[in-house]
N, C-alpha and C. Protein backbone atom coordinates (compact mmCIF):
# COMPACT_ATOMS: atom_id res chain seq x y z
N MET A 1 -41.71 -89.33 -27.85
CA MET A 1 -40.76 -88.27 -28.06
C MET A 1 -39.35 -88.85 -27.87
N THR A 2 -38.52 -88.71 -28.88
CA THR A 2 -37.14 -89.15 -28.78
C THR A 2 -36.24 -88.06 -29.35
N VAL A 3 -35.00 -88.09 -28.94
CA VAL A 3 -34.02 -87.14 -29.46
C VAL A 3 -33.12 -87.87 -30.42
N VAL A 4 -32.42 -87.12 -31.25
CA VAL A 4 -31.53 -87.72 -32.22
C VAL A 4 -30.42 -88.50 -31.52
N ALA A 5 -29.87 -87.93 -30.48
CA ALA A 5 -28.76 -88.58 -29.77
C ALA A 5 -29.04 -88.58 -28.27
N PRO A 6 -29.73 -89.61 -27.77
CA PRO A 6 -29.97 -89.67 -26.32
C PRO A 6 -28.64 -89.74 -25.56
N ARG A 7 -28.63 -89.20 -24.36
CA ARG A 7 -27.41 -89.14 -23.56
C ARG A 7 -27.54 -90.01 -22.32
N PRO A 8 -26.43 -90.55 -21.86
CA PRO A 8 -26.43 -91.15 -20.52
C PRO A 8 -26.36 -90.02 -19.49
N LEU A 9 -27.02 -90.21 -18.35
CA LEU A 9 -27.06 -89.21 -17.29
C LEU A 9 -26.72 -89.86 -15.96
N VAL A 10 -25.89 -89.21 -15.18
CA VAL A 10 -25.61 -89.63 -13.81
C VAL A 10 -26.63 -88.92 -12.94
N ILE A 11 -27.52 -89.69 -12.32
CA ILE A 11 -28.58 -89.10 -11.50
C ILE A 11 -28.32 -89.45 -10.03
N ASP A 12 -28.04 -88.43 -9.27
CA ASP A 12 -27.72 -88.60 -7.85
C ASP A 12 -28.93 -89.17 -7.11
N ALA A 13 -28.65 -89.99 -6.10
CA ALA A 13 -29.71 -90.59 -5.29
C ALA A 13 -30.56 -89.55 -4.58
N CYS A 14 -30.05 -88.35 -4.38
CA CYS A 14 -30.86 -87.30 -3.74
C CYS A 14 -32.05 -86.92 -4.62
N VAL A 15 -31.91 -87.02 -5.93
CA VAL A 15 -33.04 -86.78 -6.84
C VAL A 15 -34.06 -87.89 -6.66
N ALA A 16 -33.58 -89.13 -6.57
CA ALA A 16 -34.47 -90.28 -6.38
C ALA A 16 -35.17 -90.23 -5.03
N ARG A 17 -34.48 -89.75 -4.02
CA ARG A 17 -35.05 -89.65 -2.68
C ARG A 17 -36.14 -88.58 -2.64
N ALA A 18 -35.91 -87.47 -3.31
CA ALA A 18 -36.86 -86.35 -3.29
C ALA A 18 -38.05 -86.56 -4.21
N CYS A 19 -37.95 -87.51 -5.12
CA CYS A 19 -38.97 -87.72 -6.14
C CYS A 19 -40.29 -88.18 -5.51
N GLY A 20 -41.34 -87.45 -5.80
CA GLY A 20 -42.66 -87.81 -5.30
C GLY A 20 -43.48 -88.47 -6.40
N ASP A 21 -44.57 -89.10 -6.01
CA ASP A 21 -45.44 -89.71 -7.00
C ASP A 21 -46.39 -88.64 -7.57
N VAL A 22 -47.31 -89.06 -8.41
CA VAL A 22 -48.19 -88.10 -9.08
C VAL A 22 -49.13 -87.37 -8.13
N THR A 23 -49.30 -87.87 -6.91
CA THR A 23 -50.18 -87.19 -5.95
C THR A 23 -49.44 -86.12 -5.15
N SER A 24 -48.13 -86.09 -5.25
CA SER A 24 -47.34 -85.13 -4.47
C SER A 24 -47.51 -83.72 -5.02
N SER A 25 -47.66 -82.78 -4.12
CA SER A 25 -47.78 -81.38 -4.53
C SER A 25 -46.54 -80.56 -4.14
N HIS A 26 -45.60 -81.21 -3.47
CA HIS A 26 -44.38 -80.51 -3.08
C HIS A 26 -43.58 -80.16 -4.33
N GLU A 27 -43.11 -78.93 -4.38
CA GLU A 27 -42.44 -78.41 -5.57
C GLU A 27 -41.21 -79.23 -5.98
N VAL A 28 -40.34 -79.55 -5.04
CA VAL A 28 -39.13 -80.32 -5.36
C VAL A 28 -39.48 -81.75 -5.75
N ALA A 29 -40.43 -82.37 -5.03
CA ALA A 29 -40.84 -83.74 -5.36
C ALA A 29 -41.42 -83.81 -6.76
N THR A 30 -42.21 -82.82 -7.11
CA THR A 30 -42.80 -82.78 -8.46
C THR A 30 -41.72 -82.55 -9.51
N ALA A 31 -40.81 -81.63 -9.25
CA ALA A 31 -39.73 -81.35 -10.21
C ALA A 31 -38.88 -82.59 -10.47
N CYS A 32 -38.58 -83.33 -9.41
CA CYS A 32 -37.76 -84.55 -9.56
C CYS A 32 -38.52 -85.63 -10.32
N ARG A 33 -39.80 -85.79 -10.04
CA ARG A 33 -40.61 -86.79 -10.76
C ARG A 33 -40.70 -86.44 -12.24
N VAL A 34 -40.98 -85.19 -12.54
CA VAL A 34 -41.08 -84.76 -13.94
C VAL A 34 -39.73 -84.94 -14.64
N PHE A 35 -38.65 -84.67 -13.94
CA PHE A 35 -37.32 -84.85 -14.51
C PHE A 35 -37.11 -86.32 -14.88
N LEU A 36 -37.36 -87.24 -13.93
CA LEU A 36 -37.18 -88.67 -14.22
C LEU A 36 -38.09 -89.12 -15.36
N ASP A 37 -39.34 -88.69 -15.33
CA ASP A 37 -40.27 -89.07 -16.39
C ASP A 37 -39.79 -88.57 -17.75
N THR A 38 -39.24 -87.37 -17.79
CA THR A 38 -38.76 -86.81 -19.05
C THR A 38 -37.52 -87.55 -19.54
N VAL A 39 -36.64 -87.93 -18.63
CA VAL A 39 -35.48 -88.75 -19.02
C VAL A 39 -35.96 -89.98 -19.77
N GLN A 40 -36.95 -90.64 -19.21
CA GLN A 40 -37.49 -91.86 -19.82
C GLN A 40 -38.18 -91.57 -21.15
N LYS A 41 -39.05 -90.58 -21.20
CA LYS A 41 -39.81 -90.27 -22.41
C LYS A 41 -38.92 -89.84 -23.56
N VAL A 42 -37.88 -89.08 -23.25
CA VAL A 42 -36.99 -88.58 -24.29
C VAL A 42 -36.08 -89.70 -24.82
N GLY A 43 -35.78 -90.67 -23.98
CA GLY A 43 -34.93 -91.78 -24.42
C GLY A 43 -33.51 -91.74 -23.90
N HIS A 44 -33.26 -90.88 -22.92
CA HIS A 44 -31.93 -90.86 -22.31
C HIS A 44 -31.76 -92.13 -21.47
N SER A 45 -30.55 -92.38 -21.05
CA SER A 45 -30.28 -93.53 -20.19
C SER A 45 -29.69 -93.04 -18.87
N VAL A 46 -29.63 -93.94 -17.91
CA VAL A 46 -29.08 -93.60 -16.61
C VAL A 46 -27.80 -94.39 -16.39
N VAL A 47 -26.77 -93.69 -15.91
CA VAL A 47 -25.47 -94.30 -15.61
C VAL A 47 -25.52 -94.86 -14.20
N LEU A 48 -25.10 -96.10 -14.07
CA LEU A 48 -25.04 -96.74 -12.76
C LEU A 48 -23.63 -97.22 -12.48
N THR A 49 -23.22 -97.03 -11.25
CA THR A 49 -22.01 -97.66 -10.73
C THR A 49 -22.48 -98.48 -9.54
N GLN A 50 -21.60 -99.26 -8.98
CA GLN A 50 -21.99 -100.03 -7.80
C GLN A 50 -22.48 -99.11 -6.68
N ARG A 51 -21.76 -98.03 -6.45
CA ARG A 51 -22.14 -97.12 -5.36
C ARG A 51 -23.43 -96.37 -5.65
N ILE A 52 -23.61 -95.92 -6.89
CA ILE A 52 -24.85 -95.22 -7.24
C ILE A 52 -26.03 -96.17 -7.05
N LEU A 53 -25.90 -97.40 -7.49
CA LEU A 53 -26.98 -98.36 -7.35
C LEU A 53 -27.31 -98.63 -5.88
N ILE A 54 -26.29 -98.79 -5.06
CA ILE A 54 -26.50 -99.00 -3.62
C ILE A 54 -27.23 -97.81 -3.01
N GLU A 55 -26.80 -96.59 -3.35
CA GLU A 55 -27.45 -95.40 -2.81
C GLU A 55 -28.90 -95.31 -3.27
N TRP A 56 -29.16 -95.62 -4.52
CA TRP A 56 -30.54 -95.61 -5.03
C TRP A 56 -31.39 -96.63 -4.28
N GLU A 57 -30.88 -97.83 -4.12
CA GLU A 57 -31.65 -98.87 -3.43
C GLU A 57 -31.93 -98.49 -1.98
N ARG A 58 -31.02 -97.78 -1.36
CA ARG A 58 -31.17 -97.39 0.05
C ARG A 58 -32.04 -96.14 0.22
N GLU A 59 -31.96 -95.20 -0.71
CA GLU A 59 -32.55 -93.88 -0.49
C GLU A 59 -33.75 -93.54 -1.37
N ALA A 60 -33.93 -94.19 -2.49
CA ALA A 60 -34.92 -93.76 -3.47
C ALA A 60 -36.35 -93.95 -2.98
N SER A 61 -37.22 -93.07 -3.43
CA SER A 61 -38.65 -93.20 -3.15
C SER A 61 -39.19 -94.40 -3.93
N THR A 62 -40.37 -94.84 -3.55
CA THR A 62 -41.00 -95.95 -4.26
C THR A 62 -41.18 -95.61 -5.73
N TYR A 63 -41.60 -94.40 -6.02
CA TYR A 63 -41.79 -93.98 -7.40
C TYR A 63 -40.47 -94.06 -8.18
N ALA A 64 -39.39 -93.57 -7.60
CA ALA A 64 -38.09 -93.58 -8.28
C ALA A 64 -37.57 -95.00 -8.49
N LEU A 65 -37.79 -95.89 -7.51
CA LEU A 65 -37.36 -97.28 -7.68
C LEU A 65 -38.14 -97.97 -8.80
N THR A 66 -39.43 -97.69 -8.90
CA THR A 66 -40.23 -98.24 -9.99
C THR A 66 -39.72 -97.70 -11.33
N TRP A 67 -39.39 -96.41 -11.36
CA TRP A 67 -38.83 -95.78 -12.56
C TRP A 67 -37.53 -96.48 -12.96
N LEU A 68 -36.65 -96.71 -11.98
CA LEU A 68 -35.37 -97.35 -12.27
C LEU A 68 -35.58 -98.77 -12.79
N GLN A 69 -36.49 -99.52 -12.20
CA GLN A 69 -36.79 -100.87 -12.68
C GLN A 69 -37.26 -100.83 -14.13
N HIS A 70 -38.06 -99.84 -14.45
CA HIS A 70 -38.53 -99.69 -15.83
C HIS A 70 -37.36 -99.38 -16.76
N MET A 71 -36.45 -98.51 -16.32
CA MET A 71 -35.28 -98.18 -17.13
C MET A 71 -34.40 -99.41 -17.36
N VAL A 72 -34.24 -100.23 -16.33
CA VAL A 72 -33.46 -101.46 -16.45
C VAL A 72 -34.13 -102.41 -17.44
N SER A 73 -35.45 -102.58 -17.31
CA SER A 73 -36.16 -103.51 -18.19
C SER A 73 -36.13 -103.05 -19.65
N ARG A 74 -36.06 -101.74 -19.88
CA ARG A 74 -35.98 -101.21 -21.24
C ARG A 74 -34.55 -101.12 -21.75
N LYS A 75 -33.60 -101.59 -20.93
CA LYS A 75 -32.18 -101.52 -21.27
C LYS A 75 -31.70 -100.08 -21.50
N CYS A 76 -32.19 -99.21 -20.65
CA CYS A 76 -31.82 -97.80 -20.70
C CYS A 76 -30.90 -97.44 -19.54
N THR A 77 -30.06 -98.38 -19.18
CA THR A 77 -29.06 -98.15 -18.14
C THR A 77 -27.69 -98.45 -18.72
N ARG A 78 -26.70 -97.81 -18.16
CA ARG A 78 -25.32 -98.06 -18.57
C ARG A 78 -24.50 -98.24 -17.31
N PHE A 79 -24.02 -99.46 -17.08
CA PHE A 79 -23.22 -99.72 -15.89
C PHE A 79 -21.77 -99.36 -16.20
N VAL A 80 -21.18 -98.55 -15.34
CA VAL A 80 -19.80 -98.11 -15.51
C VAL A 80 -18.99 -98.59 -14.32
N PRO A 81 -18.13 -99.57 -14.53
CA PRO A 81 -17.26 -99.98 -13.42
C PRO A 81 -16.16 -98.94 -13.25
N LEU A 82 -16.04 -98.43 -12.04
CA LEU A 82 -15.01 -97.42 -11.78
C LEU A 82 -13.74 -98.10 -11.29
N ALA A 83 -12.66 -97.82 -11.99
CA ALA A 83 -11.36 -98.38 -11.62
C ALA A 83 -10.85 -97.68 -10.37
N GLY A 84 -9.83 -98.23 -9.78
CA GLY A 84 -9.27 -97.70 -8.55
C GLY A 84 -8.36 -96.50 -8.74
N ASP A 85 -8.44 -95.82 -9.89
CA ASP A 85 -7.60 -94.67 -10.16
C ASP A 85 -8.01 -93.52 -9.25
N GLU A 86 -7.15 -93.16 -8.35
CA GLU A 86 -7.46 -92.11 -7.38
C GLU A 86 -6.75 -90.80 -7.71
N ALA A 87 -6.10 -90.71 -8.86
CA ALA A 87 -5.34 -89.50 -9.20
C ALA A 87 -6.24 -88.27 -9.28
N MET A 88 -7.43 -88.42 -9.90
CA MET A 88 -8.33 -87.27 -10.00
C MET A 88 -8.84 -86.85 -8.62
N LEU A 89 -9.19 -87.83 -7.80
CA LEU A 89 -9.64 -87.51 -6.44
C LEU A 89 -8.54 -86.81 -5.67
N ASP A 90 -7.33 -87.29 -5.77
CA ASP A 90 -6.20 -86.66 -5.08
C ASP A 90 -6.02 -85.21 -5.53
N ALA A 91 -6.15 -84.97 -6.84
CA ALA A 91 -6.00 -83.60 -7.37
C ALA A 91 -7.12 -82.70 -6.85
N ILE A 92 -8.36 -83.23 -6.80
CA ILE A 92 -9.49 -82.44 -6.30
C ILE A 92 -9.30 -82.13 -4.82
N LEU A 93 -8.88 -83.12 -4.05
CA LEU A 93 -8.67 -82.90 -2.62
C LEU A 93 -7.55 -81.90 -2.38
N ALA A 94 -6.51 -81.94 -3.21
CA ALA A 94 -5.41 -80.98 -3.08
C ALA A 94 -5.89 -79.55 -3.35
N ALA A 95 -6.92 -79.41 -4.19
CA ALA A 95 -7.47 -78.09 -4.51
C ALA A 95 -8.54 -77.66 -3.52
N THR A 96 -8.83 -78.52 -2.55
CA THR A 96 -9.88 -78.26 -1.56
C THR A 96 -9.23 -78.25 -0.17
N PRO A 97 -8.94 -77.07 0.37
CA PRO A 97 -8.12 -77.00 1.58
C PRO A 97 -8.79 -77.40 2.90
N ARG A 98 -10.08 -77.22 3.04
CA ARG A 98 -10.72 -77.44 4.34
C ARG A 98 -11.20 -78.88 4.49
N ALA A 99 -10.99 -79.44 5.68
CA ALA A 99 -11.32 -80.84 5.96
C ALA A 99 -12.80 -81.15 5.74
N GLU A 100 -13.70 -80.26 6.17
CA GLU A 100 -15.14 -80.54 6.00
C GLU A 100 -15.53 -80.52 4.52
N GLN A 101 -14.86 -79.68 3.74
CA GLN A 101 -15.11 -79.67 2.30
C GLN A 101 -14.55 -80.93 1.64
N GLN A 102 -13.41 -81.40 2.11
CA GLN A 102 -12.85 -82.65 1.59
C GLN A 102 -13.77 -83.83 1.88
N ARG A 103 -14.40 -83.84 3.05
CA ARG A 103 -15.37 -84.91 3.36
C ARG A 103 -16.54 -84.88 2.38
N ALA A 104 -17.02 -83.69 2.08
CA ALA A 104 -18.13 -83.55 1.12
C ALA A 104 -17.69 -84.00 -0.27
N ILE A 105 -16.48 -83.66 -0.65
CA ILE A 105 -15.94 -84.09 -1.96
C ILE A 105 -15.87 -85.61 -2.01
N ARG A 106 -15.33 -86.22 -0.97
CA ARG A 106 -15.23 -87.70 -0.94
C ARG A 106 -16.62 -88.35 -1.03
N HIS A 107 -17.59 -87.73 -0.38
CA HIS A 107 -18.95 -88.29 -0.37
C HIS A 107 -19.55 -88.34 -1.77
N ASP A 108 -19.31 -87.32 -2.59
CA ASP A 108 -19.93 -87.24 -3.91
C ASP A 108 -18.97 -87.45 -5.07
N TYR A 109 -17.73 -87.79 -4.79
CA TYR A 109 -16.75 -87.98 -5.86
C TYR A 109 -17.19 -89.04 -6.86
N HIS A 110 -17.89 -90.08 -6.39
CA HIS A 110 -18.31 -91.15 -7.31
C HIS A 110 -19.19 -90.63 -8.43
N LEU A 111 -19.94 -89.56 -8.19
CA LEU A 111 -20.76 -88.97 -9.24
C LEU A 111 -19.90 -88.36 -10.34
N VAL A 112 -18.88 -87.63 -9.93
CA VAL A 112 -17.97 -87.00 -10.88
C VAL A 112 -17.17 -88.06 -11.63
N ALA A 113 -16.71 -89.08 -10.92
CA ALA A 113 -15.95 -90.15 -11.58
C ALA A 113 -16.81 -90.86 -12.62
N ALA A 114 -18.07 -91.13 -12.28
CA ALA A 114 -18.99 -91.77 -13.23
C ALA A 114 -19.26 -90.86 -14.42
N ALA A 115 -19.45 -89.57 -14.16
CA ALA A 115 -19.71 -88.61 -15.23
C ALA A 115 -18.53 -88.54 -16.20
N CYS A 116 -17.32 -88.53 -15.67
CA CYS A 116 -16.13 -88.49 -16.52
C CYS A 116 -15.98 -89.80 -17.30
N ALA A 117 -16.21 -90.93 -16.65
CA ALA A 117 -16.06 -92.24 -17.31
C ALA A 117 -17.09 -92.44 -18.41
N ALA A 118 -18.30 -91.92 -18.23
CA ALA A 118 -19.38 -92.14 -19.20
C ALA A 118 -19.63 -90.93 -20.10
N ASP A 119 -18.86 -89.87 -19.94
CA ASP A 119 -19.09 -88.62 -20.66
C ASP A 119 -20.55 -88.22 -20.51
N ALA A 120 -20.98 -88.12 -19.25
CA ALA A 120 -22.38 -87.90 -18.93
C ALA A 120 -22.55 -86.72 -17.98
N PRO A 121 -23.62 -85.96 -18.15
CA PRO A 121 -23.94 -84.90 -17.20
C PRO A 121 -24.41 -85.48 -15.87
N ILE A 122 -24.32 -84.66 -14.84
CA ILE A 122 -24.79 -85.04 -13.51
C ILE A 122 -26.08 -84.28 -13.22
N ALA A 123 -27.07 -84.98 -12.68
CA ALA A 123 -28.29 -84.34 -12.17
C ALA A 123 -28.30 -84.55 -10.67
N SER A 124 -28.27 -83.46 -9.92
CA SER A 124 -28.22 -83.54 -8.47
C SER A 124 -28.84 -82.29 -7.86
N LEU A 125 -29.42 -82.47 -6.68
CA LEU A 125 -29.97 -81.34 -5.93
C LEU A 125 -28.93 -80.71 -5.03
N ASP A 126 -27.77 -81.31 -4.92
CA ASP A 126 -26.74 -80.92 -3.96
C ASP A 126 -25.93 -79.72 -4.46
N GLU A 127 -26.37 -78.54 -4.06
CA GLU A 127 -25.69 -77.31 -4.47
C GLU A 127 -24.34 -77.14 -3.77
N THR A 128 -24.21 -77.66 -2.57
CA THR A 128 -22.91 -77.58 -1.89
C THR A 128 -21.87 -78.36 -2.65
N ALA A 129 -22.21 -79.58 -3.06
CA ALA A 129 -21.26 -80.40 -3.83
C ALA A 129 -20.93 -79.72 -5.15
N ARG A 130 -21.93 -79.21 -5.85
CA ARG A 130 -21.66 -78.54 -7.13
C ARG A 130 -20.70 -77.37 -6.92
N TYR A 131 -20.94 -76.59 -5.90
CA TYR A 131 -20.08 -75.44 -5.61
C TYR A 131 -18.63 -75.91 -5.33
N LEU A 132 -18.49 -76.95 -4.51
CA LEU A 132 -17.14 -77.42 -4.17
C LEU A 132 -16.40 -77.98 -5.38
N PHE A 133 -17.11 -78.74 -6.23
CA PHE A 133 -16.46 -79.26 -7.44
C PHE A 133 -16.15 -78.14 -8.42
N ALA A 134 -17.01 -77.11 -8.48
CA ALA A 134 -16.72 -75.96 -9.34
C ALA A 134 -15.49 -75.20 -8.84
N MET A 135 -15.37 -75.08 -7.53
CA MET A 135 -14.17 -74.44 -6.96
C MET A 135 -12.93 -75.25 -7.33
N ALA A 136 -13.01 -76.57 -7.20
CA ALA A 136 -11.88 -77.43 -7.54
C ALA A 136 -11.56 -77.38 -9.03
N ALA A 137 -12.57 -77.11 -9.86
CA ALA A 137 -12.36 -77.05 -11.32
C ALA A 137 -11.40 -75.94 -11.72
N ILE A 138 -11.21 -74.96 -10.86
CA ILE A 138 -10.24 -73.90 -11.14
C ILE A 138 -8.85 -74.52 -11.29
N ALA A 139 -8.55 -75.52 -10.46
CA ALA A 139 -7.23 -76.15 -10.48
C ALA A 139 -7.20 -77.49 -11.21
N VAL A 140 -8.35 -78.15 -11.34
CA VAL A 140 -8.41 -79.50 -11.93
C VAL A 140 -9.16 -79.40 -13.26
N ALA A 141 -8.39 -79.37 -14.35
CA ALA A 141 -8.95 -79.09 -15.67
C ALA A 141 -10.05 -80.06 -16.10
N VAL A 142 -9.93 -81.33 -15.76
CA VAL A 142 -10.91 -82.32 -16.22
C VAL A 142 -12.31 -82.03 -15.68
N LEU A 143 -12.41 -81.32 -14.57
CA LEU A 143 -13.70 -80.98 -13.98
C LEU A 143 -14.41 -79.85 -14.73
N ARG A 144 -13.67 -79.05 -15.46
CA ARG A 144 -14.24 -77.84 -16.06
C ARG A 144 -15.37 -78.13 -17.04
N THR A 145 -15.33 -79.26 -17.73
CA THR A 145 -16.36 -79.55 -18.73
C THR A 145 -17.45 -80.49 -18.22
N VAL A 146 -17.40 -80.86 -16.94
CA VAL A 146 -18.44 -81.70 -16.37
C VAL A 146 -19.71 -80.86 -16.24
N VAL A 147 -20.81 -81.37 -16.79
CA VAL A 147 -22.09 -80.68 -16.75
C VAL A 147 -22.83 -81.11 -15.49
N TRP A 148 -23.41 -80.13 -14.79
CA TRP A 148 -24.15 -80.39 -13.55
C TRP A 148 -25.47 -79.62 -13.63
N VAL A 149 -26.58 -80.32 -13.46
CA VAL A 149 -27.91 -79.73 -13.55
C VAL A 149 -28.67 -80.04 -12.27
N ASN A 150 -29.38 -79.05 -11.76
CA ASN A 150 -30.23 -79.24 -10.59
C ASN A 150 -31.68 -79.23 -11.06
N PRO A 151 -32.36 -80.40 -11.07
CA PRO A 151 -33.73 -80.47 -11.56
C PRO A 151 -34.73 -79.65 -10.77
N SER A 152 -34.41 -79.27 -9.54
CA SER A 152 -35.36 -78.53 -8.70
C SER A 152 -35.26 -77.02 -8.87
N MET A 153 -34.27 -76.54 -9.60
CA MET A 153 -34.09 -75.10 -9.78
C MET A 153 -34.73 -74.67 -11.10
N SER A 154 -35.85 -73.99 -11.00
CA SER A 154 -36.62 -73.63 -12.20
C SER A 154 -35.80 -72.82 -13.20
N GLU A 155 -34.90 -71.98 -12.71
CA GLU A 155 -34.09 -71.15 -13.61
C GLU A 155 -33.15 -71.99 -14.48
N GLU A 156 -32.92 -73.23 -14.13
CA GLU A 156 -32.06 -74.09 -14.94
C GLU A 156 -32.82 -74.78 -16.07
N ASP A 157 -34.15 -74.76 -16.02
CA ASP A 157 -35.00 -75.30 -17.07
C ASP A 157 -34.51 -76.69 -17.53
N ALA A 158 -34.39 -77.58 -16.55
CA ALA A 158 -33.85 -78.92 -16.80
C ALA A 158 -34.70 -79.73 -17.77
N ILE A 159 -35.99 -79.52 -17.78
CA ILE A 159 -36.87 -80.29 -18.66
C ILE A 159 -36.62 -79.93 -20.12
N SER A 160 -36.55 -78.65 -20.42
CA SER A 160 -36.23 -78.24 -21.80
C SER A 160 -34.85 -78.73 -22.20
N TRP A 161 -33.91 -78.66 -21.27
CA TRP A 161 -32.55 -79.14 -21.53
C TRP A 161 -32.58 -80.62 -21.90
N LEU A 162 -33.34 -81.44 -21.16
CA LEU A 162 -33.46 -82.86 -21.49
C LEU A 162 -34.07 -83.05 -22.87
N ARG A 163 -35.16 -82.34 -23.14
CA ARG A 163 -35.84 -82.46 -24.43
C ARG A 163 -34.97 -82.02 -25.60
N ASP A 164 -34.06 -81.09 -25.35
CA ASP A 164 -33.16 -80.60 -26.39
C ASP A 164 -31.92 -81.46 -26.57
N GLY A 165 -31.83 -82.55 -25.82
CA GLY A 165 -30.70 -83.47 -26.00
C GLY A 165 -29.70 -83.50 -24.87
N ALA A 166 -29.95 -82.81 -23.78
CA ALA A 166 -29.04 -82.79 -22.62
C ALA A 166 -27.62 -82.45 -23.04
N ASN A 167 -27.52 -81.40 -23.81
CA ASN A 167 -26.23 -80.99 -24.35
C ASN A 167 -25.29 -80.45 -23.28
N SER A 168 -24.02 -80.44 -23.60
CA SER A 168 -23.00 -79.95 -22.68
C SER A 168 -22.82 -78.45 -22.84
N ASP A 169 -23.90 -77.72 -22.67
CA ASP A 169 -23.85 -76.27 -22.78
C ASP A 169 -22.81 -75.71 -21.83
N GLU A 170 -22.04 -74.76 -22.31
CA GLU A 170 -20.95 -74.20 -21.50
C GLU A 170 -21.44 -73.64 -20.18
N GLU A 171 -22.61 -73.00 -20.18
CA GLU A 171 -23.09 -72.37 -18.93
C GLU A 171 -23.49 -73.40 -17.89
N ARG A 172 -23.62 -74.68 -18.26
CA ARG A 172 -23.96 -75.74 -17.31
C ARG A 172 -22.71 -76.48 -16.81
N GLN A 173 -21.57 -76.15 -17.35
CA GLN A 173 -20.32 -76.83 -16.97
C GLN A 173 -19.76 -76.26 -15.68
N LEU A 174 -19.11 -77.13 -14.91
CA LEU A 174 -18.54 -76.69 -13.63
C LEU A 174 -17.54 -75.56 -13.82
N GLY A 175 -16.81 -75.56 -14.92
CA GLY A 175 -15.84 -74.50 -15.18
C GLY A 175 -16.46 -73.14 -15.42
N SER A 176 -17.76 -73.11 -15.71
CA SER A 176 -18.47 -71.86 -15.94
C SER A 176 -19.42 -71.51 -14.81
N PHE A 177 -19.42 -72.31 -13.77
CA PHE A 177 -20.34 -72.09 -12.66
C PHE A 177 -20.03 -70.77 -11.98
N PRO A 178 -21.03 -69.90 -11.80
CA PRO A 178 -20.79 -68.57 -11.21
C PRO A 178 -20.56 -68.67 -9.70
N LEU A 179 -19.32 -68.76 -9.32
CA LEU A 179 -18.94 -68.95 -7.92
C LEU A 179 -19.27 -67.74 -7.04
N TRP A 180 -19.43 -66.60 -7.62
CA TRP A 180 -19.67 -65.39 -6.84
C TRP A 180 -21.15 -65.13 -6.56
N GLN A 181 -22.05 -65.81 -7.24
CA GLN A 181 -23.49 -65.57 -7.02
C GLN A 181 -23.98 -66.33 -5.79
N PRO A 182 -24.72 -65.67 -4.91
CA PRO A 182 -25.29 -66.39 -3.76
C PRO A 182 -26.40 -67.31 -4.22
N ARG A 183 -26.33 -68.59 -3.83
CA ARG A 183 -27.36 -69.58 -4.15
C ARG A 183 -27.56 -70.45 -2.93
N ALA A 184 -28.71 -71.03 -2.85
CA ALA A 184 -29.03 -71.93 -1.73
C ALA A 184 -28.04 -73.08 -1.68
N GLY A 185 -27.65 -73.46 -0.48
CA GLY A 185 -26.82 -74.64 -0.29
C GLY A 185 -25.33 -74.41 -0.38
N ARG A 186 -24.91 -73.20 -0.68
CA ARG A 186 -23.48 -72.95 -0.78
C ARG A 186 -22.85 -72.83 0.59
N PRO A 187 -21.67 -73.43 0.76
CA PRO A 187 -20.99 -73.32 2.05
C PRO A 187 -20.44 -71.92 2.29
N ALA A 188 -20.36 -71.53 3.51
CA ALA A 188 -19.75 -70.24 3.85
C ALA A 188 -18.25 -70.32 3.62
N ARG A 189 -17.70 -69.22 3.20
CA ARG A 189 -16.24 -69.21 2.94
C ARG A 189 -15.48 -68.92 4.20
């Protein structure tokens, strides 16, 4: 199964950490494994930066590391060197008033920077980070079109999305993220 235009995807190490093997019955572990397997089967590629690779090597499950090795051997990876341009980070931090939220932004900023550099969607289980970047997107225009998908949330139907080409559907963009809906992992205001 291949798509007409495979996409590069930024896959957070939390997906790799949660990914279980075929014997796992845990819902999130299974969802993450099926997500990675579908990325490979459909023909998408994975975006790597130095930091993403380090996090994967440190945190990924055995299954996810084997998957990544397979992606590398098939040349389905795209390495993106991130320049030292901190203007976007500074703008995001300026739009994020609380210190604990700024720490969370700094922790996951490399995902957003890679997504912007590679014109790639982000796959992450981190709902707190998605919420904070969506809040910052109100003030930082470049964030508004960044696509963020949570493979463990069944209502997001990430597998169908991958099979359909991992398009930049407006409802998946940070600028369209429903900030008023209660969802797991959101920080208290």
